[in-house]
Amino acid sequence: MMEMGDLLKEMGEIVNKTNVIQQKMTDTMDQFNKQTFSAQSTNKKVKVKLDHDLIPIAIEIDDSLLTPKSKEALTKSLLEALRKGVEQGRKNFEEKMSGIVEEMQTPAP
């Protein structure tokens, strides 16, 4: 059975670890909220830029796709670039959060 002093010390370590994790979470979210994600279609004729909420904020389209005959190619390229941007943003967020979750699961020293 643990003595009161040992319990208090362990509780203090847990509180400290919680504070460190909370600060890392805040820092990670602040960093993530400043990020943008860029992606392009496979044919490199459409480029998109998304904000941290994965909302498109810029689209660049090659002039060769701006003809009536190119409507289908433009649609395909635009959707492809947007999907890639969203996937990139989601993957980035998941990677950052998984690091924090792993740290939360590590026992206090």
N, C-alpha and C. Protein backbone atom coordinates (compact mmCIF):
# COMPACT_ATOMS: atom_id res chain seq x y z
N MET A 1 0.84 -1.18 0.00
CA MET A 1 0.00 0.00 0.00
C MET A 1 0.88 1.24 0.00
N MET A 2 0.51 2.23 -0.81
CA MET A 2 1.31 3.45 -0.93
C MET A 2 1.03 4.38 0.24
N GLU A 3 2.08 5.08 0.62
CA GLU A 3 1.92 6.07 1.68
C GLU A 3 1.38 7.36 1.09
N MET A 4 0.85 8.20 1.94
CA MET A 4 0.22 9.46 1.52
C MET A 4 1.21 10.32 0.73
N GLY A 5 2.45 10.40 1.19
CA GLY A 5 3.45 11.21 0.49
C GLY A 5 3.70 10.70 -0.93
N ASP A 6 3.75 9.38 -1.09
CA ASP A 6 3.95 8.78 -2.41
C ASP A 6 2.75 9.05 -3.33
N LEU A 7 1.55 8.96 -2.75
CA LEU A 7 0.34 9.23 -3.53
C LEU A 7 0.30 10.68 -4.00
N LEU A 8 0.65 11.59 -3.10
CA LEU A 8 0.67 13.01 -3.47
C LEU A 8 1.71 13.29 -4.54
N LYS A 9 2.87 12.64 -4.42
CA LYS A 9 3.91 12.81 -5.42
C LYS A 9 3.43 12.30 -6.78
N GLU A 10 2.81 11.12 -6.79
CA GLU A 10 2.30 10.55 -8.04
C GLU A 10 1.21 11.43 -8.63
N MET A 11 0.33 11.95 -7.80
CA MET A 11 -0.72 12.85 -8.29
C MET A 11 -0.12 14.11 -8.90
N GLY A 12 0.93 14.62 -8.26
CA GLY A 12 1.62 15.81 -8.78
C GLY A 12 2.23 15.54 -10.14
N GLU A 13 2.80 14.35 -10.31
CA GLU A 13 3.39 13.98 -11.60
C GLU A 13 2.31 13.86 -12.67
N ILE A 14 1.17 13.31 -12.30
CA ILE A 14 0.07 13.17 -13.26
C ILE A 14 -0.45 14.55 -13.65
N VAL A 15 -0.59 15.44 -12.70
CA VAL A 15 -1.05 16.81 -12.99
C VAL A 15 -0.04 17.51 -13.90
N ASN A 16 1.24 17.36 -13.62
CA ASN A 16 2.27 17.99 -14.46
C ASN A 16 2.21 17.46 -15.88
N LYS A 17 2.06 16.13 -16.01
CA LYS A 17 1.98 15.53 -17.34
C LYS A 17 0.73 16.04 -18.07
N THR A 18 -0.36 16.14 -17.37
CA THR A 18 -1.60 16.65 -17.97
C THR A 18 -1.40 18.08 -18.46
N ASN A 19 -0.73 18.90 -17.68
CA ASN A 19 -0.47 20.29 -18.09
C ASN A 19 0.41 20.35 -19.32
N VAL A 20 1.43 19.49 -19.38
CA VAL A 20 2.32 19.46 -20.54
C VAL A 20 1.54 19.04 -21.79
N ILE A 21 0.72 18.02 -21.65
CA ILE A 21 -0.07 17.54 -22.79
C ILE A 21 -1.06 18.61 -23.23
N GLN A 22 -1.69 19.27 -22.28
CA GLN A 22 -2.65 20.33 -22.61
C GLN A 22 -1.95 21.46 -23.37
N GLN A 23 -0.75 21.84 -22.96
CA GLN A 23 0.00 22.89 -23.65
C GLN A 23 0.39 22.44 -25.05
N LYS A 24 0.81 21.18 -25.19
CA LYS A 24 1.16 20.66 -26.51
C LYS A 24 -0.06 20.66 -27.43
N MET A 25 -1.21 20.30 -26.88
CA MET A 25 -2.45 20.29 -27.66
C MET A 25 -2.78 21.70 -28.13
N THR A 26 -2.66 22.67 -27.23
CA THR A 26 -2.92 24.06 -27.58
C THR A 26 -1.94 24.54 -28.65
N ASP A 27 -0.67 24.23 -28.46
CA ASP A 27 0.35 24.64 -29.44
C ASP A 27 0.10 23.99 -30.80
N THR A 28 -0.25 22.71 -30.79
CA THR A 28 -0.52 21.99 -32.04
C THR A 28 -1.72 22.60 -32.76
N MET A 29 -2.77 22.90 -32.04
CA MET A 29 -3.97 23.48 -32.65
C MET A 29 -3.66 24.89 -33.19
N ASP A 30 -2.89 25.66 -32.45
CA ASP A 30 -2.49 26.99 -32.94
C ASP A 30 -1.69 26.87 -34.23
N GLN A 31 -0.76 25.93 -34.25
CA GLN A 31 0.05 25.70 -35.45
C GLN A 31 -0.82 25.22 -36.61
N PHE A 32 -1.72 24.30 -36.32
CA PHE A 32 -2.59 23.76 -37.37
C PHE A 32 -3.50 24.85 -37.93
N ASN A 33 -4.00 25.73 -37.07
CA ASN A 33 -4.91 26.79 -37.51
C ASN A 33 -4.24 27.81 -38.42
N LYS A 34 -2.92 27.83 -38.45
CA LYS A 34 -2.18 28.75 -39.31
C LYS A 34 -1.76 28.09 -40.63
N GLN A 35 -1.98 26.79 -40.74
CA GLN A 35 -1.52 26.06 -41.92
C GLN A 35 -2.47 26.21 -43.10
N THR A 36 -1.89 26.08 -44.28
CA THR A 36 -2.66 25.93 -45.50
C THR A 36 -2.13 24.69 -46.21
N PHE A 37 -2.94 24.15 -47.09
CA PHE A 37 -2.56 22.94 -47.82
C PHE A 37 -2.72 23.19 -49.30
N SER A 38 -1.73 22.80 -50.07
CA SER A 38 -1.78 22.97 -51.52
C SER A 38 -1.72 21.60 -52.18
N ALA A 39 -2.45 21.46 -53.27
CA ALA A 39 -2.44 20.21 -54.03
C ALA A 39 -2.71 20.54 -55.49
N GLN A 40 -2.40 19.58 -56.34
CA GLN A 40 -2.65 19.77 -57.77
C GLN A 40 -3.13 18.47 -58.39
N SER A 41 -3.78 18.62 -59.52
CA SER A 41 -4.25 17.45 -60.25
C SER A 41 -3.05 16.70 -60.83
N THR A 42 -3.27 15.47 -61.19
CA THR A 42 -2.20 14.64 -61.75
C THR A 42 -1.60 15.28 -63.00
N ASN A 43 -2.45 15.90 -63.83
CA ASN A 43 -1.95 16.55 -65.04
C ASN A 43 -1.33 17.92 -64.77
N LYS A 44 -1.33 18.33 -63.52
CA LYS A 44 -0.72 19.59 -63.05
C LYS A 44 -1.35 20.83 -63.68
N LYS A 45 -2.57 20.71 -64.15
CA LYS A 45 -3.23 21.85 -64.79
C LYS A 45 -4.19 22.56 -63.86
N VAL A 46 -4.44 21.98 -62.68
CA VAL A 46 -5.29 22.63 -61.68
C VAL A 46 -4.57 22.54 -60.34
N LYS A 47 -4.45 23.69 -59.68
CA LYS A 47 -3.84 23.74 -58.35
C LYS A 47 -4.84 24.40 -57.41
N VAL A 48 -4.90 23.87 -56.19
CA VAL A 48 -5.80 24.44 -55.19
C VAL A 48 -5.03 24.69 -53.91
N LYS A 49 -5.54 25.63 -53.15
CA LYS A 49 -4.99 25.93 -51.83
C LYS A 49 -6.17 25.95 -50.87
N LEU A 50 -6.02 25.24 -49.73
CA LEU A 50 -7.09 25.15 -48.75
C LEU A 50 -6.60 25.70 -47.42
N ASP A 51 -7.54 26.26 -46.65
CA ASP A 51 -7.17 26.75 -45.33
C ASP A 51 -7.19 25.60 -44.32
N HIS A 52 -6.97 25.91 -43.06
CA HIS A 52 -6.89 24.87 -42.02
C HIS A 52 -8.20 24.11 -41.84
N ASP A 53 -9.31 24.70 -42.22
CA ASP A 53 -10.61 24.01 -42.16
C ASP A 53 -10.91 23.25 -43.45
N LEU A 54 -9.91 23.18 -44.34
CA LEU A 54 -10.00 22.49 -45.63
C LEU A 54 -11.01 23.15 -46.56
N ILE A 55 -11.16 24.45 -46.42
CA ILE A 55 -12.01 25.25 -47.30
C ILE A 55 -11.11 25.81 -48.40
N PRO A 56 -11.50 25.63 -49.67
CA PRO A 56 -10.67 26.18 -50.77
C PRO A 56 -10.56 27.70 -50.66
N ILE A 57 -9.33 28.20 -50.75
CA ILE A 57 -9.11 29.65 -50.69
C ILE A 57 -8.47 30.17 -51.98
N ALA A 58 -7.99 29.28 -52.82
CA ALA A 58 -7.41 29.69 -54.10
C ALA A 58 -7.45 28.53 -55.07
N ILE A 59 -7.70 28.86 -56.32
CA ILE A 59 -7.69 27.87 -57.40
C ILE A 59 -6.95 28.47 -58.58
N GLU A 60 -6.04 27.69 -59.13
CA GLU A 60 -5.28 28.11 -60.31
C GLU A 60 -5.55 27.10 -61.42
N ILE A 61 -6.03 27.59 -62.56
CA ILE A 61 -6.40 26.71 -63.67
C ILE A 61 -5.59 27.06 -64.90
N ASP A 62 -4.96 26.06 -65.49
CA ASP A 62 -4.20 26.25 -66.72
C ASP A 62 -5.15 26.69 -67.84
N ASP A 63 -4.71 27.66 -68.64
CA ASP A 63 -5.55 28.19 -69.72
C ASP A 63 -6.05 27.12 -70.69
N SER A 64 -5.29 26.05 -70.83
CA SER A 64 -5.70 25.01 -71.79
C SER A 64 -7.00 24.33 -71.38
N LEU A 65 -7.39 24.46 -70.12
CA LEU A 65 -8.64 23.84 -69.65
C LEU A 65 -9.82 24.80 -69.70
N LEU A 66 -9.60 26.01 -70.17
CA LEU A 66 -10.66 27.02 -70.16
C LEU A 66 -11.34 27.17 -71.52
N THR A 67 -11.61 26.06 -72.12
CA THR A 67 -12.34 26.05 -73.39
C THR A 67 -13.57 25.17 -73.23
N PRO A 68 -14.60 25.40 -74.03
CA PRO A 68 -15.80 24.56 -73.92
C PRO A 68 -15.50 23.07 -74.10
N LYS A 69 -14.55 22.74 -74.93
CA LYS A 69 -14.21 21.33 -75.16
C LYS A 69 -13.52 20.70 -73.95
N SER A 70 -12.98 21.52 -73.06
CA SER A 70 -12.21 21.02 -71.93
C SER A 70 -13.02 20.93 -70.64
N LYS A 71 -14.32 21.13 -70.71
CA LYS A 71 -15.15 21.16 -69.51
C LYS A 71 -14.99 19.89 -68.68
N GLU A 72 -15.04 18.74 -69.31
CA GLU A 72 -14.94 17.47 -68.58
C GLU A 72 -13.56 17.33 -67.92
N ALA A 73 -12.52 17.67 -68.65
CA ALA A 73 -11.16 17.59 -68.09
C ALA A 73 -10.99 18.57 -66.94
N LEU A 74 -11.56 19.75 -67.08
CA LEU A 74 -11.48 20.75 -66.01
C LEU A 74 -12.19 20.24 -64.76
N THR A 75 -13.38 19.72 -64.92
CA THR A 75 -14.14 19.20 -63.78
C THR A 75 -13.36 18.09 -63.08
N LYS A 76 -12.85 17.16 -63.87
CA LYS A 76 -12.09 16.04 -63.31
C LYS A 76 -10.84 16.53 -62.57
N SER A 77 -10.11 17.43 -63.18
CA SER A 77 -8.87 17.94 -62.58
C SER A 77 -9.15 18.74 -61.32
N LEU A 78 -10.20 19.52 -61.34
CA LEU A 78 -10.56 20.34 -60.18
C LEU A 78 -10.96 19.45 -59.01
N LEU A 79 -11.80 18.48 -59.24
CA LEU A 79 -12.20 17.56 -58.17
C LEU A 79 -11.01 16.78 -57.63
N GLU A 80 -10.14 16.35 -58.52
CA GLU A 80 -8.97 15.60 -58.10
C GLU A 80 -8.06 16.45 -57.21
N ALA A 81 -7.82 17.68 -57.60
CA ALA A 81 -6.96 18.56 -56.81
C ALA A 81 -7.59 18.86 -55.45
N LEU A 82 -8.89 19.11 -55.43
CA LEU A 82 -9.57 19.37 -54.15
C LEU A 82 -9.51 18.16 -53.24
N ARG A 83 -9.75 16.99 -53.78
CA ARG A 83 -9.69 15.77 -52.96
C ARG A 83 -8.30 15.57 -52.37
N LYS A 84 -7.28 15.78 -53.19
CA LYS A 84 -5.90 15.63 -52.71
C LYS A 84 -5.60 16.63 -51.59
N GLY A 85 -6.06 17.85 -51.74
CA GLY A 85 -5.84 18.86 -50.71
C GLY A 85 -6.52 18.49 -49.40
N VAL A 86 -7.75 18.02 -49.48
CA VAL A 86 -8.49 17.61 -48.29
C VAL A 86 -7.81 16.41 -47.64
N GLU A 87 -7.39 15.44 -48.43
CA GLU A 87 -6.69 14.27 -47.90
C GLU A 87 -5.40 14.69 -47.19
N GLN A 88 -4.67 15.61 -47.79
CA GLN A 88 -3.42 16.09 -47.20
C GLN A 88 -3.70 16.76 -45.86
N GLY A 89 -4.71 17.60 -45.81
CA GLY A 89 -5.06 18.28 -44.56
C GLY A 89 -5.50 17.31 -43.48
N ARG A 90 -6.32 16.35 -43.83
CA ARG A 90 -6.78 15.36 -42.85
C ARG A 90 -5.63 14.52 -42.34
N LYS A 91 -4.76 14.10 -43.24
CA LYS A 91 -3.61 13.28 -42.84
C LYS A 91 -2.71 14.06 -41.89
N ASN A 92 -2.47 15.32 -42.20
CA ASN A 92 -1.64 16.17 -41.35
C ASN A 92 -2.24 16.28 -39.96
N PHE A 93 -3.54 16.53 -39.88
CA PHE A 93 -4.22 16.67 -38.60
C PHE A 93 -4.16 15.36 -37.81
N GLU A 94 -4.42 14.24 -38.47
CA GLU A 94 -4.39 12.94 -37.80
C GLU A 94 -3.01 12.62 -37.26
N GLU A 95 -1.97 12.95 -38.02
CA GLU A 95 -0.60 12.69 -37.56
C GLU A 95 -0.28 13.51 -36.32
N LYS A 96 -0.66 14.78 -36.34
CA LYS A 96 -0.39 15.64 -35.18
C LYS A 96 -1.15 15.16 -33.95
N MET A 97 -2.39 14.78 -34.13
CA MET A 97 -3.21 14.33 -33.00
C MET A 97 -2.76 12.97 -32.48
N SER A 98 -2.31 12.08 -33.36
CA SER A 98 -1.88 10.76 -32.91
C SER A 98 -0.65 10.86 -32.01
N GLY A 99 0.22 11.82 -32.30
CA GLY A 99 1.39 12.03 -31.43
C GLY A 99 0.98 12.45 -30.03
N ILE A 100 -0.01 13.29 -29.96
CA ILE A 100 -0.49 13.74 -28.64
C ILE A 100 -1.19 12.60 -27.92
N VAL A 101 -1.98 11.82 -28.64
CA VAL A 101 -2.69 10.68 -28.02
C VAL A 101 -1.68 9.67 -27.48
N GLU A 102 -0.63 9.40 -28.25
CA GLU A 102 0.40 8.46 -27.79
C GLU A 102 1.03 8.95 -26.51
N GLU A 103 1.30 10.24 -26.43
CA GLU A 103 1.90 10.80 -25.24
C GLU A 103 0.96 10.69 -24.05
N MET A 104 -0.33 10.86 -24.31
CA MET A 104 -1.31 10.76 -23.22
C MET A 104 -1.35 9.34 -22.66
N GLN A 105 -1.07 8.35 -23.50
CA GLN A 105 -1.14 6.96 -23.08
C GLN A 105 0.14 6.48 -22.38
N THR A 106 1.18 7.30 -22.43
CA THR A 106 2.43 6.96 -21.77
C THR A 106 2.30 7.24 -20.28
N PRO A 107 2.61 6.25 -19.42
CA PRO A 107 2.48 6.47 -17.99
C PRO A 107 3.38 7.61 -17.48
N ALA A 108 2.91 8.28 -16.46
CA ALA A 108 3.71 9.35 -15.84
C ALA A 108 4.96 8.75 -15.23
N PRO A 109 6.07 9.51 -15.19
CA PRO A 109 7.32 8.97 -14.63
C PRO A 109 7.20 8.66 -13.16
